[in-house]
Structures are given as C-alpha cells and as structure tokens.
Amino acid sequence: MHGTCMATKTISLRIEAYDRLRQARLRPDESFSDVVLRARWDTVPLTAGELLASVRERGPGYSAEGLAAVEALKASDRAPRDKWSP
C-alpha cells in the first residue's frame, strides 16, 4: 500500500514575507500552501466601478464589528513621540 505523496518545492522568503504568510492563516493547523492557494492574485487592478459592482454583489468586505474595532483603534492611536525633541 502506498501513502499519498505530495510534490513539494522549497522556497526562500524574507522574514517579513514569512511573518505575513504566517499571520494570514485562518487556523493554526492551516498549511502555508492552503494560505497561498486561498490568496487572490489579481493581475489587473480593479477600476472604481468594478470595485463598487463587486461590493454591491458580494456585500462589504468587513463586518460592522470589524469596522467598529478599526475605528476604536484609530481613536486610541496617538502620534509617535518626536525623536528630535529633548
């Protein structure tokens, strides 16, 4: 009996790219291959009209709770300390 064999390819990533890939996982057991296959790789950017049509068709990309969380973070955000001031 033979096990399932999956072809693999070794790649090199900068740490920043690895961190972004790791953060994109929806579940801790999701593989990096699953994340990459789930990603959208649009070759042509959307026009404003296409984006509007997409939102009307599929609905907003963020929930009301998600937007409220972003607004709360924005409200609590402060400007960075001026490193040139004594």
PDB file of N, CA and C in Angstrom:
ATOM      1  N   MET A   1       0.844  -1.177   0.000  1.00  0.00           N
ATOM      2  CA  MET A   1       0.000   0.000   0.000  1.00  0.00           C
ATOM      3  C   MET A   1       0.887   1.238   0.000  1.00  0.00           C
ATOM      4  N   HIS A   2       0.566   2.194  -0.827  1.00  0.00           N
ATOM      5  CA  HIS A   2       1.340   3.417  -0.938  1.00  0.00           C
ATOM      6  C   HIS A   2       0.588   4.567  -0.302  1.00  0.00           C
ATOM      7  N   GLY A   3       1.332   5.431   0.414  1.00  0.00           N
ATOM      8  CA  GLY A   3       0.726   6.612   1.000  1.00  0.00           C
ATOM      9  C   GLY A   3       0.578   7.697  -0.044  1.00  0.00           C
ATOM     10  N   THR A   4      -0.178   8.704   0.309  1.00  0.00           N
ATOM     11  CA  THR A   4      -0.346   9.833  -0.602  1.00  0.00           C
ATOM     12  C   THR A   4       0.951  10.620  -0.636  1.00  0.00           C
ATOM     13  N   CYS A   5       1.448  10.863  -1.837  1.00  0.00           N
ATOM     14  CA  CYS A   5       2.684  11.608  -1.999  1.00  0.00           C
ATOM     15  C   CYS A   5       2.359  12.951  -2.615  1.00  0.00           C
ATOM     16  N   MET A   6       2.816  14.001  -1.968  1.00  0.00           N
ATOM     17  CA  MET A   6       2.564  15.338  -2.465  1.00  0.00           C
ATOM     18  C   MET A   6       3.888  15.948  -2.883  1.00  0.00           C
ATOM     19  N   ALA A   7       3.927  16.475  -4.089  1.00  0.00           N
ATOM     20  CA  ALA A   7       5.141  17.134  -4.557  1.00  0.00           C
ATOM     21  C   ALA A   7       5.371  18.394  -3.736  1.00  0.00           C
ATOM     22  N   THR A   8       6.622  18.692  -3.458  1.00  0.00           N
ATOM     23  CA  THR A   8       6.955  19.892  -2.696  1.00  0.00           C
ATOM     24  C   THR A   8       8.033  20.674  -3.421  1.00  0.00           C
ATOM     25  N   LYS A   9       8.121  21.935  -3.090  1.00  0.00           N
ATOM     26  CA  LYS A   9       9.147  22.816  -3.652  1.00  0.00           C
ATOM     27  C   LYS A   9       9.631  23.699  -2.508  1.00  0.00           C
ATOM     28  N   THR A  10      10.921  23.771  -2.317  1.00  0.00           N
ATOM     29  CA  THR A  10      11.498  24.613  -1.273  1.00  0.00           C
ATOM     30  C   THR A  10      11.684  26.015  -1.821  1.00  0.00           C
ATOM     31  N   ILE A  11      11.240  27.007  -1.042  1.00  0.00           N
ATOM     32  CA  ILE A  11      11.387  28.402  -1.440  1.00  0.00           C
ATOM     33  C   ILE A  11      12.047  29.176  -0.317  1.00  0.00           C
ATOM     34  N   SER A  12      12.599  30.326  -0.654  1.00  0.00           N
ATOM     35  CA  SER A  12      13.183  31.213   0.346  1.00  0.00           C
ATOM     36  C   SER A  12      12.315  32.455   0.449  1.00  0.00           C
ATOM     37  N   LEU A  13      12.073  32.887   1.680  1.00  0.00           N
ATOM     38  CA  LEU A  13      11.285  34.087   1.932  1.00  0.00           C
ATOM     39  C   LEU A  13      12.041  34.996   2.878  1.00  0.00           C
ATOM     40  N   ARG A  14      11.872  36.296   2.682  1.00  0.00           N
ATOM     41  CA  ARG A  14      12.382  37.226   3.689  1.00  0.00           C
ATOM     42  C   ARG A  14      11.527  37.050   4.938  1.00  0.00           C
ATOM     43  N   ILE A  15      12.064  37.391   6.080  1.00  0.00           N
ATOM     44  CA  ILE A  15      11.348  37.226   7.346  1.00  0.00           C
ATOM     45  C   ILE A  15      10.011  37.955   7.307  1.00  0.00           C
ATOM     46  N   GLU A  16       9.993  39.162   6.737  1.00  0.00           N
ATOM     47  CA  GLU A  16       8.748  39.934   6.653  1.00  0.00           C
ATOM     48  C   GLU A  16       7.686  39.170   5.866  1.00  0.00           C
ATOM     49  N   ALA A  17       8.079  38.551   4.758  1.00  0.00           N
ATOM     50  CA  ALA A  17       7.136  37.785   3.944  1.00  0.00           C
ATOM     51  C   ALA A  17       6.651  36.552   4.702  1.00  0.00           C
ATOM     52  N   TYR A  18       7.556  35.879   5.395  1.00  0.00           N
ATOM     53  CA  TYR A  18       7.174  34.706   6.196  1.00  0.00           C
ATOM     54  C   TYR A  18       6.175  35.109   7.273  1.00  0.00           C
ATOM     55  N   ASP A  19       6.435  36.224   7.964  1.00  0.00           N
ATOM     56  CA  ASP A  19       5.540  36.684   9.029  1.00  0.00           C
ATOM     57  C   ASP A  19       4.150  37.006   8.477  1.00  0.00           C
ATOM     58  N   ARG A  20       4.102  37.656   7.310  1.00  0.00           N
ATOM     59  CA  ARG A  20       2.803  37.979   6.708  1.00  0.00           C
ATOM     60  C   ARG A  20       2.064  36.709   6.310  1.00  0.00           C
ATOM     61  N   LEU A  21       2.777  35.741   5.781  1.00  0.00           N
ATOM     62  CA  LEU A  21       2.167  34.475   5.401  1.00  0.00           C
ATOM     63  C   LEU A  21       1.630  33.753   6.637  1.00  0.00           C
ATOM     64  N   ARG A  22       2.417  33.747   7.700  1.00  0.00           N
ATOM     65  CA  ARG A  22       2.009  33.092   8.948  1.00  0.00           C
ATOM     66  C   ARG A  22       0.766  33.770   9.531  1.00  0.00           C
ATOM     67  N   GLN A  23       0.717  35.096   9.487  1.00  0.00           N
ATOM     68  CA  GLN A  23      -0.423  35.836  10.032  1.00  0.00           C
ATOM     69  C   GLN A  23      -1.686  35.661   9.182  1.00  0.00           C
ATOM     70  N   ALA A  24      -1.526  35.279   7.927  1.00  0.00           N
ATOM     71  CA  ALA A  24      -2.677  35.118   7.039  1.00  0.00           C
ATOM     72  C   ALA A  24      -3.409  33.800   7.260  1.00  0.00           C
ATOM     73  N   ARG A  25      -2.828  32.915   8.058  1.00  0.00           N
ATOM     74  CA  ARG A  25      -3.501  31.642   8.314  1.00  0.00           C
ATOM     75  C   ARG A  25      -4.781  31.890   9.101  1.00  0.00           C
ATOM     76  N   LEU A  26      -5.858  31.206   8.704  1.00  0.00           N
ATOM     77  CA  LEU A  26      -7.132  31.344   9.397  1.00  0.00           C
ATOM     78  C   LEU A  26      -7.205  30.439  10.613  1.00  0.00           C
ATOM     79  N   ARG A  27      -6.504  29.321  10.560  1.00  0.00           N
ATOM     80  CA  ARG A  27      -6.486  28.359  11.669  1.00  0.00           C
ATOM     81  C   ARG A  27      -5.044  27.966  11.933  1.00  0.00           C
ATOM     82  N   PRO A  28      -4.726  27.623  13.154  1.00  0.00           N
ATOM     83  CA  PRO A  28      -3.335  27.228  13.452  1.00  0.00           C
ATOM     84  C   PRO A  28      -2.863  26.019  12.656  1.00  0.00           C
ATOM     85  N   ASP A  29      -3.798  25.134  12.263  1.00  0.00           N
ATOM     86  CA  ASP A  29      -3.397  23.939  11.514  1.00  0.00           C
ATOM     87  C   ASP A  29      -3.446  24.140  10.001  1.00  0.00           C
ATOM     88  N   GLU A  30      -3.756  25.365   9.533  1.00  0.00           N
ATOM     89  CA  GLU A  30      -3.786  25.625   8.098  1.00  0.00           C
ATOM     90  C   GLU A  30      -2.355  25.690   7.569  1.00  0.00           C
ATOM     91  N   SER A  31      -2.105  25.014   6.460  1.00  0.00           N
ATOM     92  CA  SER A  31      -0.758  24.993   5.901  1.00  0.00           C
ATOM     93  C   SER A  31      -0.491  26.266   5.111  1.00  0.00           C
ATOM     94  N   PHE A  32       0.789  26.564   4.908  1.00  0.00           N
ATOM     95  CA  PHE A  32       1.155  27.711   4.092  1.00  0.00           C
ATOM     96  C   PHE A  32       0.653  27.513   2.659  1.00  0.00           C
ATOM     97  N   SER A  33       0.654  26.279   2.183  1.00  0.00           N
ATOM     98  CA  SER A  33       0.116  26.007   0.845  1.00  0.00           C
ATOM     99  C   SER A  33      -1.353  26.404   0.769  1.00  0.00           C
ATOM    100  N   ASP A  34      -2.120  26.093   1.814  1.00  0.00           N
ATOM    101  CA  ASP A  34      -3.533  26.475   1.843  1.00  0.00           C
ATOM    102  C   ASP A  34      -3.690  27.993   1.790  1.00  0.00           C
ATOM    103  N   VAL A  35      -2.833  28.710   2.513  1.00  0.00           N
ATOM    104  CA  VAL A  35      -2.905  30.174   2.532  1.00  0.00           C
ATOM    105  C   VAL A  35      -2.619  30.721   1.138  1.00  0.00           C
ATOM    106  N   VAL A  36      -1.574  30.208   0.490  1.00  0.00           N
ATOM    107  CA  VAL A  36      -1.208  30.697  -0.833  1.00  0.00           C
ATOM    108  C   VAL A  36      -2.304  30.372  -1.840  1.00  0.00           C
ATOM    109  N   LEU A  37      -2.868  29.181  -1.775  1.00  0.00           N
ATOM    110  CA  LEU A  37      -3.926  28.805  -2.712  1.00  0.00           C
ATOM    111  C   LEU A  37      -5.201  29.607  -2.483  1.00  0.00           C
ATOM    112  N   ARG A  38      -5.425  30.070  -1.266  1.00  0.00           N
ATOM    113  CA  ARG A  38      -6.598  30.887  -0.946  1.00  0.00           C
ATOM    114  C   ARG A  38      -6.415  32.336  -1.389  1.00  0.00           C
ATOM    115  N   ALA A  39      -5.184  32.767  -1.547  1.00  0.00           N
ATOM    116  CA  ALA A  39      -4.888  34.162  -1.878  1.00  0.00           C
ATOM    117  C   ALA A  39      -5.393  34.506  -3.276  1.00  0.00           C
ATOM    118  N   ARG A  40      -5.715  35.780  -3.446  1.00  0.00           N
ATOM    119  CA  ARG A  40      -6.120  36.285  -4.763  1.00  0.00           C
ATOM    120  C   ARG A  40      -4.921  36.963  -5.391  1.00  0.00           C
ATOM    121  N   TRP A  41      -4.662  36.649  -6.635  1.00  0.00           N
ATOM    122  CA  TRP A  41      -3.517  37.204  -7.342  1.00  0.00           C
ATOM    123  C   TRP A  41      -4.014  37.949  -8.577  1.00  0.00           C
ATOM    124  N   ASP A  42      -4.705  39.049  -8.344  1.00  0.00           N
ATOM    125  CA  ASP A  42      -5.228  39.828  -9.451  1.00  0.00           C
ATOM    126  C   ASP A  42      -4.075  40.415 -10.262  1.00  0.00           C
ATOM    127  N   THR A  43      -4.142  40.221 -11.577  1.00  0.00           N
ATOM    128  CA  THR A  43      -3.091  40.750 -12.437  1.00  0.00           C
ATOM    129  C   THR A  43      -3.433  42.145 -12.946  1.00  0.00           C
ATOM    130  N   VAL A  44      -4.722  42.458 -12.988  1.00  0.00           N
ATOM    131  CA  VAL A  44      -5.160  43.772 -13.445  1.00  0.00           C
ATOM    132  C   VAL A  44      -5.932  44.421 -12.302  1.00  0.00           C
ATOM    133  N   PRO A  45      -5.549  45.618 -11.886  1.00  0.00           N
ATOM    134  CA  PRO A  45      -6.266  46.251 -10.786  1.00  0.00           C
ATOM    135  C   PRO A  45      -7.717  46.562 -11.164  1.00  0.00           C
ATOM    136  N   LEU A  46      -8.575  46.562 -10.155  1.00  0.00           N
ATOM    137  CA  LEU A  46      -9.971  46.900 -10.383  1.00  0.00           C
ATOM    138  C   LEU A  46     -10.131  48.393 -10.613  1.00  0.00           C
ATOM    139  N   THR A  47     -11.091  48.731 -11.452  1.00  0.00           N
ATOM    140  CA  THR A  47     -11.462  50.128 -11.564  1.00  0.00           C
ATOM    141  C   THR A  47     -12.416  50.435 -10.414  1.00  0.00           C
ATOM    142  N   ALA A  48     -12.671  51.705 -10.158  1.00  0.00           N
ATOM    143  CA  ALA A  48     -13.604  52.084  -9.095  1.00  0.00           C
ATOM    144  C   ALA A  48     -14.991  51.515  -9.372  1.00  0.00           C
ATOM    145  N   GLY A  49     -15.405  51.534 -10.622  1.00  0.00           N
ATOM    146  CA  GLY A  49     -16.713  50.989 -10.987  1.00  0.00           C
ATOM    147  C   GLY A  49     -16.798  49.492 -10.740  1.00  0.00           C
ATOM    148  N   GLU A  50     -15.722  48.766 -11.054  1.00  0.00           N
ATOM    149  CA  GLU A  50     -15.699  47.316 -10.808  1.00  0.00           C
ATOM    150  C   GLU A  50     -15.717  47.011  -9.319  1.00  0.00           C
ATOM    151  N   LEU A  51     -14.990  47.810  -8.547  1.00  0.00           N
ATOM    152  CA  LEU A  51     -14.990  47.617  -7.098  1.00  0.00           C
ATOM    153  C   LEU A  51     -16.380  47.862  -6.525  1.00  0.00           C
ATOM    154  N   LEU A  52     -17.037  48.918  -6.949  1.00  0.00           N
ATOM    155  CA  LEU A  52     -18.382  49.219  -6.485  1.00  0.00           C
ATOM    156  C   LEU A  52     -19.348  48.101  -6.856  1.00  0.00           C
ATOM    157  N   ALA A  53     -19.256  47.598  -8.079  1.00  0.00           N
ATOM    158  CA  ALA A  53     -20.114  46.491  -8.507  1.00  0.00           C
ATOM    159  C   ALA A  53     -19.854  45.248  -7.663  1.00  0.00           C
ATOM    160  N   SER A  54     -18.596  44.994  -7.342  1.00  0.00           N
ATOM    161  CA  SER A  54     -18.233  43.841  -6.517  1.00  0.00           C
ATOM    162  C   SER A  54     -18.813  43.961  -5.118  1.00  0.00           C
ATOM    163  N   VAL A  55     -18.718  45.146  -4.527  1.00  0.00           N
ATOM    164  CA  VAL A  55     -19.265  45.352  -3.175  1.00  0.00           C
ATOM    165  C   VAL A  55     -20.786  45.211  -3.204  1.00  0.00           C
ATOM    166  N   ARG A  56     -21.417  45.721  -4.239  1.00  0.00           N
ATOM    167  CA  ARG A  56     -22.877  45.596  -4.348  1.00  0.00           C
ATOM    168  C   ARG A  56     -23.289  44.139  -4.517  1.00  0.00           C
ATOM    169  N   GLU A  57     -22.475  43.371  -5.224  1.00  0.00           N
ATOM    170  CA  GLU A  57     -22.787  41.960  -5.472  1.00  0.00           C
ATOM    171  C   GLU A  57     -22.517  41.085  -4.253  1.00  0.00           C
ATOM    172  N   ARG A  58     -21.345  41.271  -3.631  1.00  0.00           N
ATOM    173  CA  ARG A  58     -20.924  40.385  -2.541  1.00  0.00           C
ATOM    174  C   ARG A  58     -21.105  40.983  -1.163  1.00  0.00           C
ATOM    175  N   GLY A  59     -21.383  42.261  -1.086  1.00  0.00           N
ATOM    176  CA  GLY A  59     -21.503  42.913   0.209  1.00  0.00           C
ATOM    177  C   GLY A  59     -20.148  43.440   0.647  1.00  0.00           C
ATOM    178  N   PRO A  60     -20.135  44.168   1.748  1.00  0.00           N
ATOM    179  CA  PRO A  60     -18.881  44.754   2.216  1.00  0.00           C
ATOM    180  C   PRO A  60     -17.896  43.668   2.645  1.00  0.00           C
ATOM    181  N   GLY A  61     -16.624  43.999   2.558  1.00  0.00           N
ATOM    182  CA  GLY A  61     -15.590  43.039   2.927  1.00  0.00           C
ATOM    183  C   GLY A  61     -15.383  42.902   4.421  1.00  0.00           C
ATOM    184  N   TYR A  62     -15.902  43.850   5.199  1.00  0.00           N
ATOM    185  CA  TYR A  62     -15.710  43.827   6.643  1.00  0.00           C
ATOM    186  C   TYR A  62     -17.056  43.868   7.333  1.00  0.00           C
ATOM    187  N   SER A  63     -17.148  43.184   8.458  1.00  0.00           N
ATOM    188  CA  SER A  63     -18.375  43.218   9.241  1.00  0.00           C
ATOM    189  C   SER A  63     -18.466  44.540   9.991  1.00  0.00           C
ATOM    190  N   ALA A  64     -19.643  44.847  10.488  1.00  0.00           N
ATOM    191  CA  ALA A  64     -19.832  46.062  11.285  1.00  0.00           C
ATOM    192  C   ALA A  64     -18.942  46.012  12.530  1.00  0.00           C
ATOM    193  N   GLU A  65     -18.794  44.822  13.105  1.00  0.00           N
ATOM    194  CA  GLU A  65     -17.944  44.676  14.293  1.00  0.00           C
ATOM    195  C   GLU A  65     -16.481  44.943  13.948  1.00  0.00           C
ATOM    196  N   GLY A  66     -16.042  44.458  12.789  1.00  0.00           N
ATOM    197  CA  GLY A  66     -14.667  44.684  12.359  1.00  0.00           C
ATOM    198  C   GLY A  66     -14.384  46.158  12.122  1.00  0.00           C
ATOM    199  N   LEU A  67     -15.313  46.843  11.478  1.00  0.00           N
ATOM    200  CA  LEU A  67     -15.148  48.272  11.249  1.00  0.00           C
ATOM    201  C   LEU A  67     -15.160  49.055  12.557  1.00  0.00           C
ATOM    202  N   ALA A  68     -16.018  48.647  13.500  1.00  0.00           N
ATOM    203  CA  ALA A  68     -16.055  49.312  14.811  1.00  0.00           C
ATOM    204  C   ALA A  68     -14.727  49.126  15.537  1.00  0.00           C
ATOM    205  N   ALA A  69     -14.126  47.951  15.400  1.00  0.00           N
ATOM    206  CA  ALA A  69     -12.833  47.700  16.041  1.00  0.00           C
ATOM    207  C   ALA A  69     -11.750  48.582  15.432  1.00  0.00           C
ATOM    208  N   VAL A  70     -11.776  48.757  14.114  1.00  0.00           N
ATOM    209  CA  VAL A  70     -10.804  49.627  13.450  1.00  0.00           C
ATOM    210  C   VAL A  70     -10.986  51.066  13.919  1.00  0.00           C
ATOM    211  N   GLU A  71     -12.228  51.518  13.982  1.00  0.00           N
ATOM    212  CA  GLU A  71     -12.499  52.888  14.433  1.00  0.00           C
ATOM    213  C   GLU A  71     -12.044  53.088  15.879  1.00  0.00           C
ATOM    214  N   ALA A  72     -12.231  52.088  16.740  1.00  0.00           N
ATOM    215  CA  ALA A  72     -11.791  52.192  18.131  1.00  0.00           C
ATOM    216  C   ALA A  72     -10.267  52.292  18.196  1.00  0.00           C
ATOM    217  N   LEU A  73      -9.579  51.519  17.377  1.00  0.00           N
ATOM    218  CA  LEU A  73      -8.122  51.584  17.351  1.00  0.00           C
ATOM    219  C   LEU A  73      -7.643  52.931  16.837  1.00  0.00           C
ATOM    220  N   LYS A  74      -8.311  53.448  15.801  1.00  0.00           N
ATOM    221  CA  LYS A  74      -7.941  54.761  15.270  1.00  0.00           C
ATOM    222  C   LYS A  74      -8.125  55.841  16.323  1.00  0.00           C
ATOM    223  N   ALA A  75      -9.202  55.759  17.094  1.00  0.00           N
ATOM    224  CA  ALA A  75      -9.489  56.767  18.117  1.00  0.00           C
ATOM    225  C   ALA A  75      -8.451  56.744  19.222  1.00  0.00           C
ATOM    226  N   SER A  76      -7.905  55.566  19.516  1.00  0.00           N
ATOM    227  CA  SER A  76      -6.927  55.464  20.608  1.00  0.00           C
ATOM    228  C   SER A  76      -5.493  55.663  20.127  1.00  0.00           C
ATOM    229  N   ASP A  77      -5.309  55.809  18.825  1.00  0.00           N
ATOM    230  CA  ASP A  77      -3.968  55.963  18.256  1.00  0.00           C
ATOM    231  C   ASP A  77      -3.429  57.355  18.537  1.00  0.00           C
ATOM    232  N   ARG A  78      -2.165  57.427  18.913  1.00  0.00           N
ATOM    233  CA  ARG A  78      -1.516  58.712  19.161  1.00  0.00           C
ATOM    234  C   ARG A  78      -0.347  58.862  18.205  1.00  0.00           C
ATOM    235  N   ALA A  79      -0.001  60.099  17.955  1.00  0.00           N
ATOM    236  CA  ALA A  79       1.166  60.359  17.111  1.00  0.00           C
ATOM    237  C   ALA A  79       2.418  59.858  17.825  1.00  0.00           C
ATOM    238  N   PRO A  80       3.408  59.377  17.075  1.00  0.00           N
ATOM    239  CA  PRO A  80       4.643  58.924  17.719  1.00  0.00           C
ATOM    240  C   PRO A  80       5.376  60.077  18.368  1.00  0.00           C
ATOM    241  N   ARG A  81       6.178  59.741  19.365  1.00  0.00           N
ATOM    242  CA  ARG A  81       6.975  60.740  20.058  1.00  0.00           C
ATOM    243  C   ARG A  81       7.973  61.342  19.080  1.00  0.00           C
ATOM    244  N   ASP A  82       8.139  62.649  19.156  1.00  0.00           N
ATOM    245  CA  ASP A  82       9.085  63.337  18.278  1.00  0.00           C
ATOM    246  C   ASP A  82      10.489  62.997  18.745  1.00  0.00           C
ATOM    247  N   LYS A  83      11.228  62.233  17.941  1.00  0.00           N
ATOM    248  CA  LYS A  83      12.569  61.799  18.358  1.00  0.00           C
ATOM    249  C   LYS A  83      13.578  62.940  18.339  1.00  0.00           C
ATOM    250  N   TRP A  84      13.222  64.079  17.769  1.00  0.00           N
ATOM    251  CA  TRP A  84      14.138  65.199  17.693  1.00  0.00           C
ATOM    252  C   TRP A  84      13.974  66.163  18.868  1.00  0.00           C
ATOM    253  N   SER A  85      12.913  65.987  19.637  1.00  0.00           N
ATOM    254  CA  SER A  85      12.703  66.858  20.798  1.00  0.00           C
ATOM    255  C   SER A  85      13.473  66.316  21.991  1.00  0.00           C
ATOM    256  N   PRO A  86      13.980  67.208  22.854  1.00  0.00           N
ATOM    257  CA  PRO A  86      14.727  66.725  24.025  1.00  0.00           C
ATOM    258  C   PRO A  86      13.841  66.040  25.033  1.00  0.00           C
TER     259      PRO A  86
END
